[in-house]
Amino acid sequence: MDTDSPEDGRPPRSRLARAVRLAALPAAHAGRTAVGLGRRIGGRPAEAVAAQVQQRTAAQLFATLGQLKGGAMKVGQAMSAMEAALPEQLVGPYREALVRLQEAAPPMPAAMVHAQLDRAFPGGWQRHLRDFDDRHVAAASVGQVHRATWSDGTPVAVKIQYPGAGEALVADLGMLQPLAPVIHAAMPGLDARELIAELRERLVEELDYAREAESQSAFADAYRDDPDIAVPDVLAAEDVVLVTRWLDGTPLSQVIAAGSQDDRDRAGLLLVRLLLSAPVRAGRLHGDPHPGNFRLLPDGRLGVLDFGAVEPMPAGWPARLGPLLAAGRDGDAAELHRIAVSAGLLQPGTVDPAALLALLDPYLEPLRTPDHRFTRSWIQEQTRRASDPLSSAARTQRRLTIPPRHLLLQRVATGLAGVLCSLGATVAVDAEVRRWLPGYDDGGAATPA
């Protein structure tokens, strides 16, 4: 059997096979563009041809990243959290394709699903799981989710790891190694090899369902009976299978697509509250804010579904973070610069205080008003600033030193901003930061729930 064929439900594992499939995305787009040119010459309207090209490329994006799974699908899901930053002419087809990666992907065949269940429950999985639905209801980067009933009658979600998911992740991360010199050239202050090593460690952790179960249980205990956040209990963690209580609710992707403004604002507030409160309440940071991991429940709570990417923070937030944000909020360039140097975020003499404040200033806007409205135009403008290599912001960014240990926090902050802008949510960010970050509000400590 060809183990690098997606037809058997396994992600291709060899680096060559995965590289070929990823490389096919831009090549296929170029081919379709050439075909579109021929059709324009033949008289079809340019707008219609361009739309068709984008639609087909988006469809291939979904199919390729979904089949590859592993790190490639993780990239696709991260892109889905940032779809608000896409140019307007691309938003339609790519949003649809990327949002599909949050909720679904080309599934494993039923026989393979049953084989994974047999591996997890060698005494017979049917004794534990009744009414098991062979159709998957959601997809993650390393597994897919099915609905079933636990032996005591509890409705459950059953997350089943893809065979070969570990090898797929290793292959994807191996493909990043040759990019280290390129990353270093773009951002000299960043140790690219340490960054890739940190990324490898974080992604490989997502394969460990026992670790995920421990993290989810810690969150469930921390937020039990909470009026705002709902975390389903873990019922079993067996090798390649994780069983948790089922949560009904509206997927966040649906709130983004068609939710009322009240629902958008509520979801945005609770996403911010989860991010800021978790290190204080659970001693951990939830590290994967893409919309597929959240539901808005009928009672108004935010349901949190995936805990594969979690950063232990037993001491809570770093002591310097609150004062750093307060200095930026108040426009105190000298104090902002001093704290950044002391935290190792930049080397003395490489970036002057005014340039540092100018770089961070747009991201500090939500802290300067009682309520901040997150918009697509705002994040599109920040993406333009960051991606223009000749801009002053990009020049300053290249001089920053980013410790690899801050990789997950940076990913969370960026992804959360993208989701809030997709929601178009109005959120009292400053009040939440005051509540949870020590040192932000005149040195005050975080208040308990």
Protein backbone atom coordinates (compact mmCIF):
# COMPACT_ATOMS: atom_id res chain seq x y z
CA MET A 1 0.00 0.00 0.00
CA ASP A 2 1.21 3.53 -0.73
CA THR A 3 1.48 5.06 2.72
CA ASP A 4 1.99 8.50 1.23
CA SER A 5 -1.41 8.53 -0.42
CA PRO A 6 -4.26 10.37 1.33
CA GLU A 7 -6.76 7.91 -0.03
CA ASP A 8 -6.16 5.53 2.90
CA GLY A 9 -6.98 8.30 5.39
CA ARG A 10 -3.44 8.66 6.71
CA PRO A 11 -1.51 11.91 6.31
CA PRO A 12 1.51 11.54 4.00
CA ARG A 13 4.52 11.02 6.28
CA SER A 14 7.62 11.46 4.14
CA ARG A 15 9.08 14.95 3.95
CA LEU A 16 9.28 14.73 0.15
CA ALA A 17 5.64 13.77 -0.29
CA ARG A 18 4.44 16.52 2.02
CA ALA A 19 6.70 19.12 0.42
CA VAL A 20 5.41 18.18 -3.03
CA ARG A 21 1.79 18.63 -1.94
CA LEU A 22 2.50 22.01 -0.29
CA ALA A 23 4.49 23.18 -3.30
CA ALA A 24 1.56 22.25 -5.53
CA LEU A 25 -0.58 25.02 -4.01
CA PRO A 26 1.20 28.01 -5.61
CA ALA A 27 1.95 26.00 -8.77
CA ALA A 28 -1.71 25.12 -9.19
CA HIS A 29 -2.70 28.74 -8.60
CA ALA A 30 -0.29 29.84 -11.34
CA GLY A 31 -1.74 27.26 -13.72
CA ARG A 32 -5.27 28.39 -13.04
CA THR A 33 -4.21 32.01 -13.53
CA ALA A 34 -2.82 31.09 -16.96
CA VAL A 35 -6.07 29.35 -17.84
CA GLY A 36 -7.93 32.45 -16.66
CA LEU A 37 -5.81 34.62 -18.93
CA GLY A 38 -6.81 32.45 -21.89
CA ARG A 39 -10.46 32.81 -20.97
CA ARG A 40 -10.17 36.59 -20.69
CA ILE A 41 -8.67 36.64 -24.17
CA GLY A 42 -11.69 34.61 -25.21
CA GLY A 43 -14.00 37.30 -23.89
CA ARG A 44 -14.99 36.30 -20.33
CA PRO A 45 -15.14 39.19 -17.83
CA ALA A 46 -11.91 39.54 -15.83
CA GLU A 47 -13.81 39.70 -12.50
CA ALA A 48 -15.61 36.42 -13.16
CA VAL A 49 -12.40 34.66 -14.14
CA ALA A 50 -10.53 35.99 -11.09
CA ALA A 51 -13.31 34.86 -8.77
CA GLN A 52 -13.28 31.38 -10.29
CA VAL A 53 -9.50 31.15 -9.93
CA GLN A 54 -9.65 32.16 -6.27
CA GLN A 55 -12.50 29.75 -5.56
CA ARG A 56 -10.63 26.79 -7.03
CA THR A 57 -7.39 27.71 -5.29
CA ALA A 58 -9.25 27.99 -1.98
CA ALA A 59 -10.79 24.56 -2.55
CA GLN A 60 -7.35 23.07 -3.13
CA LEU A 61 -6.05 24.82 -0.01
CA PHE A 62 -8.70 23.06 2.06
CA ALA A 63 -8.09 19.68 0.44
CA THR A 64 -4.29 19.81 0.64
CA LEU A 65 -3.93 21.12 4.19
CA GLY A 66 -6.71 18.82 5.38
CA GLN A 67 -5.09 15.72 3.85
CA LEU A 68 -1.63 16.62 5.13
CA LYS A 69 -2.95 17.26 8.65
CA GLY A 70 -0.09 17.57 11.15
CA GLY A 71 1.75 20.88 11.16
CA ALA A 72 0.37 21.83 7.75
CA MET A 73 -3.19 21.72 9.01
CA LYS A 74 -2.10 23.59 12.14
CA VAL A 75 -0.84 26.34 9.85
CA GLY A 76 -4.19 26.35 8.04
CA GLN A 77 -6.10 26.61 11.30
CA ALA A 78 -3.84 29.46 12.45
CA MET A 79 -4.58 31.16 9.12
CA SER A 80 -8.28 30.76 9.82
CA ALA A 81 -7.87 32.70 13.07
CA MET A 82 -6.34 35.51 11.01
CA GLU A 83 -8.78 35.55 8.09
CA ALA A 84 -9.78 39.10 9.08
CA ALA A 85 -6.37 40.26 7.82
CA LEU A 86 -6.98 38.97 4.28
CA PRO A 87 -7.49 41.56 1.53
CA GLU A 88 -11.15 42.10 0.75
CA GLN A 89 -10.95 40.47 -2.70
CA LEU A 90 -9.74 37.22 -1.11
CA VAL A 91 -11.91 37.11 1.98
CA GLY A 92 -14.89 35.26 0.46
CA PRO A 93 -13.41 32.06 -0.98
CA TYR A 94 -10.49 31.78 1.44
CA ARG A 95 -12.62 32.46 4.52
CA GLU A 96 -14.91 29.61 3.55
CA ALA A 97 -12.01 27.22 2.96
CA LEU A 98 -10.10 28.18 6.10
CA VAL A 99 -13.16 28.13 8.35
CA ARG A 100 -13.89 24.61 7.07
CA LEU A 101 -10.49 23.62 8.47
CA GLN A 102 -11.78 24.66 11.90
CA GLU A 103 -14.73 22.29 11.81
CA ALA A 104 -13.95 19.60 9.27
CA ALA A 105 -11.26 18.00 7.13
CA PRO A 106 -11.06 14.93 4.86
CA PRO A 107 -11.93 12.21 7.39
CA MET A 108 -10.43 8.87 8.35
CA PRO A 109 -12.36 5.86 7.02
CA ALA A 110 -14.59 4.17 9.60
CA ALA A 111 -12.39 1.04 9.65
CA MET A 112 -9.37 3.14 10.64
CA VAL A 113 -11.39 4.92 13.33
CA HIS A 114 -12.41 1.57 14.79
CA ALA A 115 -8.80 0.36 14.67
CA GLN A 116 -7.71 3.36 16.73
CA LEU A 117 -10.51 2.68 19.22
CA ASP A 118 -9.44 -0.97 19.45
CA ARG A 119 -5.89 0.21 20.20
CA ALA A 120 -7.13 2.50 22.98
CA PHE A 121 -9.63 0.03 24.50
CA PRO A 122 -8.19 -3.46 23.91
CA GLY A 123 -10.96 -5.06 25.97
CA GLY A 124 -13.59 -3.84 23.49
CA TRP A 125 -14.39 -0.18 22.97
CA GLN A 126 -18.09 -0.91 22.50
CA ARG A 127 -18.34 -1.61 26.26
CA HIS A 128 -17.40 2.00 26.96
CA LEU A 129 -18.85 3.86 23.97
CA ARG A 130 -22.46 3.38 22.90
CA ASP A 131 -24.23 4.96 19.94
CA PHE A 132 -20.87 5.79 18.39
CA ASP A 133 -21.31 7.90 15.24
CA ASP A 134 -18.79 6.94 12.54
CA ARG A 135 -19.23 10.38 10.95
CA HIS A 136 -16.79 12.88 12.42
CA VAL A 137 -18.20 16.19 13.66
CA ALA A 138 -14.97 18.21 13.88
CA ALA A 139 -11.30 18.02 12.96
CA ALA A 140 -8.15 19.06 14.79
CA SER A 141 -4.58 19.18 13.50
CA VAL A 142 -3.74 15.74 14.93
CA GLY A 143 -7.15 14.13 15.37
CA GLN A 144 -10.86 14.18 14.60
CA VAL A 145 -13.91 14.22 16.88
CA HIS A 146 -16.90 11.86 16.96
CA ARG A 147 -20.06 11.87 19.02
CA ALA A 148 -21.05 8.95 21.26
CA THR A 149 -22.60 8.00 24.61
CA TRP A 150 -20.43 6.92 27.55
CA SER A 151 -21.27 3.74 29.42
CA ASP A 152 -23.13 5.68 32.15
CA GLY A 153 -25.32 7.49 29.59
CA THR A 154 -23.32 10.73 29.41
CA PRO A 155 -23.15 12.29 25.91
CA VAL A 156 -19.47 12.53 24.99
CA ALA A 157 -17.03 13.85 22.40
CA VAL A 158 -14.44 11.27 21.33
CA LYS A 159 -11.21 12.71 19.90
CA ILE A 160 -9.27 10.13 17.91
CA GLN A 161 -5.70 10.73 16.77
CA TYR A 162 -4.83 10.23 13.10
CA PRO A 163 -2.49 7.27 12.48
CA GLY A 164 0.86 8.73 11.51
CA ALA A 165 0.08 12.16 13.01
CA GLY A 166 3.38 12.16 14.90
CA GLU A 167 5.43 11.36 11.81
CA ALA A 168 3.53 14.05 9.88
CA LEU A 169 4.38 16.67 12.49
CA VAL A 170 8.05 15.68 12.47
CA ALA A 171 8.10 15.89 8.67
CA ASP A 172 6.52 19.36 8.69
CA LEU A 173 8.91 20.65 11.34
CA GLY A 174 11.87 19.17 9.49
CA MET A 175 10.84 21.26 6.48
CA LEU A 176 11.27 24.39 8.63
CA GLN A 177 14.96 23.79 9.40
CA PRO A 178 16.27 25.08 6.05
CA LEU A 179 14.29 28.28 6.63
CA ALA A 180 16.31 29.19 9.74
CA PRO A 181 18.80 31.42 7.85
CA VAL A 182 15.93 33.17 6.08
CA ILE A 183 14.12 33.80 9.38
CA HIS A 184 17.33 35.10 10.93
CA ALA A 185 17.95 37.44 8.00
CA ALA A 186 14.43 38.85 8.33
CA MET A 187 14.67 39.18 12.14
CA PRO A 188 18.32 39.25 13.28
CA GLY A 189 17.31 39.50 16.93
CA LEU A 190 15.56 36.14 16.80
CA ASP A 191 17.43 32.86 17.27
CA ALA A 192 15.60 30.97 14.51
CA ARG A 193 16.98 27.56 15.47
CA GLU A 194 15.81 27.99 19.06
CA LEU A 195 12.48 29.18 17.75
CA ILE A 196 12.04 26.08 15.59
CA ALA A 197 13.09 23.85 18.48
CA GLU A 198 10.51 25.54 20.70
CA LEU A 199 7.85 25.14 18.01
CA ARG A 200 8.74 21.45 17.67
CA GLU A 201 8.37 20.92 21.41
CA ARG A 202 5.01 22.67 21.53
CA LEU A 203 3.52 20.84 18.55
CA VAL A 204 4.76 17.42 19.63
CA GLU A 205 3.09 18.02 23.01
CA GLU A 206 -0.24 18.07 21.16
CA LEU A 207 0.21 14.38 20.38
CA ASP A 208 0.16 13.53 24.09
CA TYR A 209 -3.48 13.01 24.98
CA ALA A 210 -2.61 12.17 28.60
CA ARG A 211 -0.98 15.61 28.92
CA GLU A 212 -3.97 17.24 27.23
CA ALA A 213 -6.33 15.45 29.62
CA GLU A 214 -4.35 16.77 32.59
CA SER A 215 -4.51 20.32 31.23
CA GLN A 216 -8.22 20.10 30.46
CA SER A 217 -8.96 18.73 33.93
CA ALA A 218 -7.06 21.63 35.49
CA PHE A 219 -9.13 24.11 33.46
CA ALA A 220 -12.36 22.26 34.27
CA ASP A 221 -11.60 22.43 38.00
CA ALA A 222 -10.59 26.11 37.81
CA TYR A 223 -13.77 27.15 35.96
CA ARG A 224 -16.25 24.74 37.49
CA ASP A 225 -19.65 26.42 37.99
CA ASP A 226 -18.25 29.60 36.43
CA PRO A 227 -20.91 31.94 34.98
CA ASP A 228 -18.77 32.79 31.93
CA ILE A 229 -16.52 29.87 30.94
CA ALA A 230 -17.50 26.21 30.45
CA VAL A 231 -14.90 23.43 30.22
CA PRO A 232 -16.11 19.85 29.69
CA ASP A 233 -14.81 17.19 32.10
CA VAL A 234 -12.46 14.47 30.89
CA LEU A 235 -13.89 10.95 31.22
CA ALA A 236 -11.03 8.93 29.69
CA ALA A 237 -7.62 9.39 28.11
CA GLU A 238 -6.36 6.20 26.49
CA ASP A 239 -3.28 6.48 24.26
CA VAL A 240 -4.70 7.81 20.96
CA VAL A 241 -8.25 8.52 22.22
CA LEU A 242 -9.56 11.30 24.49
CA VAL A 243 -13.16 11.20 25.78
CA THR A 244 -14.81 14.31 27.25
CA ARG A 245 -18.32 15.47 28.02
CA TRP A 246 -20.23 16.81 25.04
CA LEU A 247 -20.96 20.56 24.86
CA ASP A 248 -23.82 21.85 22.73
CA GLY A 249 -23.56 25.39 21.42
CA THR A 250 -23.08 27.65 18.42
CA PRO A 251 -19.61 27.27 16.84
CA LEU A 252 -17.67 30.51 16.98
CA SER A 253 -17.26 30.36 13.20
CA GLN A 254 -21.05 30.65 12.90
CA VAL A 255 -21.09 33.62 15.27
CA ILE A 256 -18.45 35.24 13.05
CA ALA A 257 -20.46 34.51 9.91
CA ALA A 258 -23.96 35.42 11.04
CA GLY A 259 -24.14 36.17 14.77
CA SER A 260 -25.92 39.16 16.30
CA GLN A 261 -23.78 42.04 17.55
CA ASP A 262 -24.66 41.09 21.13
CA ASP A 263 -23.36 37.57 20.56
CA ARG A 264 -20.22 38.92 18.87
CA ASP A 265 -19.51 41.25 21.78
CA ARG A 266 -20.23 38.54 24.35
CA ALA A 267 -17.95 36.03 22.62
CA GLY A 268 -15.20 38.63 22.28
CA LEU A 269 -15.36 39.60 25.95
CA LEU A 270 -15.21 35.98 27.11
CA LEU A 271 -12.29 35.14 24.81
CA VAL A 272 -10.34 38.03 26.35
CA ARG A 273 -11.41 36.97 29.85
CA LEU A 274 -10.28 33.38 29.24
CA LEU A 275 -6.87 34.48 27.98
CA LEU A 276 -6.24 36.87 30.85
CA SER A 277 -7.72 34.86 33.71
CA ALA A 278 -6.37 31.38 32.94
CA PRO A 279 -2.78 31.92 34.19
CA VAL A 280 -4.21 33.34 37.44
CA ARG A 281 -6.97 30.77 37.96
CA ALA A 282 -5.62 27.61 36.30
CA GLY A 283 -1.88 28.31 36.31
CA ARG A 284 -1.91 27.71 32.56
CA LEU A 285 -2.32 29.64 29.31
CA HIS A 286 -4.75 28.34 26.68
CA GLY A 287 -2.61 28.47 23.56
CA ASP A 288 -4.88 27.88 20.56
CA PRO A 289 -7.45 30.63 19.95
CA HIS A 290 -8.68 29.52 16.53
CA PRO A 291 -12.50 29.64 16.28
CA GLY A 292 -12.96 25.87 15.95
CA ASN A 293 -12.02 25.48 19.63
CA PHE A 294 -14.94 27.51 20.99
CA ARG A 295 -18.74 27.44 21.25
CA LEU A 296 -21.18 30.06 22.48
CA LEU A 297 -23.55 28.13 24.74
CA PRO A 298 -27.31 28.84 25.02
CA ASP A 299 -26.80 30.18 28.57
CA GLY A 300 -24.25 32.74 27.33
CA ARG A 301 -21.12 30.95 28.49
CA LEU A 302 -18.09 30.36 26.27
CA GLY A 303 -17.44 26.65 25.80
CA VAL A 304 -13.75 25.74 25.41
CA LEU A 305 -13.07 22.47 23.63
CA ASP A 306 -9.39 21.86 22.92
CA PHE A 307 -6.44 21.87 25.33
CA GLY A 308 -3.67 20.36 23.23
CA ALA A 309 -1.68 23.62 23.21
CA VAL A 310 -1.38 24.77 26.82
CA GLU A 311 1.52 26.59 28.47
CA PRO A 312 2.10 25.88 32.18
CA MET A 313 2.31 29.17 34.10
CA PRO A 314 2.31 28.08 37.77
CA ALA A 315 3.42 31.54 38.94
CA GLY A 316 0.78 33.31 36.84
CA TRP A 317 1.63 36.23 34.57
CA PRO A 318 5.26 37.45 34.35
CA ALA A 319 5.78 40.30 36.81
CA ARG A 320 7.00 42.72 34.12
CA LEU A 321 4.04 42.28 31.77
CA GLY A 322 1.56 44.49 33.63
CA PRO A 323 3.95 47.44 34.04
CA LEU A 324 5.08 47.03 30.40
CA LEU A 325 1.50 47.33 29.12
CA ALA A 326 0.75 50.21 31.50
CA ALA A 327 3.76 52.16 30.21
CA GLY A 328 2.68 51.59 26.62
CA ARG A 329 -0.92 52.51 27.41
CA ASP A 330 0.24 55.80 28.96
CA GLY A 331 2.63 56.60 26.09
CA ASP A 332 5.66 56.52 28.44
CA ALA A 333 8.29 55.61 25.85
CA ALA A 334 11.22 55.73 28.29
CA GLU A 335 9.59 53.38 30.82
CA LEU A 336 8.35 51.05 28.08
CA HIS A 337 11.89 50.84 26.71
CA ARG A 338 13.43 50.27 30.15
CA ILE A 339 11.09 47.38 30.96
CA ALA A 340 11.56 45.82 27.50
CA VAL A 341 15.34 45.86 27.95
CA SER A 342 15.09 44.36 31.44
CA ALA A 343 12.81 41.61 30.10
CA GLY A 344 15.28 40.71 27.33
CA LEU A 345 12.97 41.81 24.53
CA LEU A 346 15.62 44.03 22.99
CA GLN A 347 19.30 44.78 23.42
CA PRO A 348 20.33 48.21 24.77
CA GLY A 349 21.19 50.63 21.98
CA THR A 350 19.48 48.70 19.18
CA VAL A 351 16.07 50.43 19.29
CA ASP A 352 15.39 53.89 20.68
CA PRO A 353 12.38 54.45 22.97
CA ALA A 354 10.39 56.50 20.44
CA ALA A 355 10.72 53.82 17.72
CA LEU A 356 9.65 51.08 20.13
CA LEU A 357 6.56 53.00 21.18
CA ALA A 358 5.73 53.77 17.53
CA LEU A 359 5.91 50.04 16.71
CA LEU A 360 3.68 48.94 19.59
CA ASP A 361 1.35 51.95 19.70
CA PRO A 362 -1.43 50.58 17.42
CA TYR A 363 -1.60 47.34 19.42
CA LEU A 364 -2.05 49.31 22.65
CA GLU A 365 -5.14 51.17 21.41
CA PRO A 366 -7.59 48.74 23.11
CA LEU A 367 -6.13 49.74 26.50
CA ARG A 368 -6.84 53.46 26.08
CA THR A 369 -10.64 53.50 25.98
CA PRO A 370 -13.33 51.92 28.20
CA ASP A 371 -14.56 49.90 25.20
CA HIS A 372 -12.64 49.10 22.03
CA ARG A 373 -14.18 48.08 18.72
CA PHE A 374 -12.04 45.53 16.83
CA THR A 375 -12.36 45.86 13.05
CA ARG A 376 -11.08 44.12 9.97
CA SER A 377 -9.71 47.39 8.61
CA TRP A 378 -7.56 47.81 11.73
CA ILE A 379 -5.92 44.40 11.49
CA GLN A 380 -5.49 44.75 7.73
CA GLU A 381 -3.61 48.00 8.33
CA GLN A 382 -1.36 46.39 10.97
CA THR A 383 -0.68 43.48 8.62
CA ARG A 384 0.29 45.95 5.89
CA ARG A 385 2.66 47.79 8.24
CA ALA A 386 4.33 44.60 9.41
CA SER A 387 4.68 43.09 5.93
CA ASP A 388 6.21 46.16 4.29
CA PRO A 389 9.99 45.57 4.63
CA LEU A 390 10.72 49.27 4.06
CA SER A 391 8.40 50.56 6.77
CA SER A 392 9.79 51.98 10.01
CA ALA A 393 7.71 49.41 11.93
CA ALA A 394 9.31 46.53 10.05
CA ARG A 395 12.80 47.95 10.61
CA THR A 396 12.17 48.22 14.35
CA GLN A 397 10.61 44.74 14.45
CA ARG A 398 13.76 43.24 12.92
CA ARG A 399 15.85 44.64 15.77
CA LEU A 400 13.78 43.09 18.55
CA THR A 401 14.96 40.04 20.45
CA ILE A 402 12.12 37.55 20.88
CA PRO A 403 12.90 34.77 23.40
CA PRO A 404 11.53 31.45 22.10
CA ARG A 405 9.75 30.93 25.43
CA HIS A 406 7.41 33.77 24.42
CA LEU A 407 6.44 32.04 21.16
CA LEU A 408 3.14 30.63 22.43
CA LEU A 409 2.07 33.87 24.13
CA GLN A 410 2.82 35.82 20.95
CA ARG A 411 0.84 33.31 18.88
CA VAL A 412 -2.09 33.55 21.28
CA ALA A 413 -2.14 37.36 21.29
CA THR A 414 -1.94 37.53 17.49
CA GLY A 415 -4.58 34.86 16.95
CA LEU A 416 -6.91 36.38 19.53
CA ALA A 417 -6.67 39.80 17.88
CA GLY A 418 -7.52 38.21 14.54
CA VAL A 419 -10.58 36.44 15.94
CA LEU A 420 -11.80 39.60 17.71
CA CYS A 421 -11.52 41.51 14.43
CA SER A 422 -13.39 38.75 12.58
CA LEU A 423 -16.13 39.07 15.19
CA GLY A 424 -16.15 42.88 14.94
CA ALA A 425 -16.50 42.75 18.72
CA THR A 426 -16.57 45.69 21.11
CA VAL A 427 -14.72 44.68 24.28
CA ALA A 428 -13.76 46.38 27.55
CA VAL A 429 -10.16 45.16 27.27
CA ASP A 430 -8.67 47.67 29.71
CA ALA A 431 -11.02 46.59 32.52
CA GLU A 432 -10.15 42.91 31.97
CA VAL A 433 -6.42 43.65 32.00
CA ARG A 434 -6.82 45.66 35.21
CA ARG A 435 -8.64 42.74 36.77
CA TRP A 436 -6.11 40.03 35.96
CA LEU A 437 -2.60 41.46 35.40
CA PRO A 438 -0.55 42.35 38.48
CA GLY A 439 1.28 45.64 38.16
CA TYR A 440 -0.96 47.02 35.42
CA ASP A 441 -3.24 49.08 37.65
CA ASP A 442 -0.81 51.03 39.86
CA GLY A 443 0.88 47.85 41.03
CA GLY A 444 -2.32 46.19 42.20
CA ALA A 445 -2.52 42.40 42.38
CA ALA A 446 -4.87 40.29 40.28
CA THR A 447 -8.26 39.88 41.92
CA PRO A 448 -9.69 36.41 42.48
CA ALA A 449 -12.74 35.25 40.60
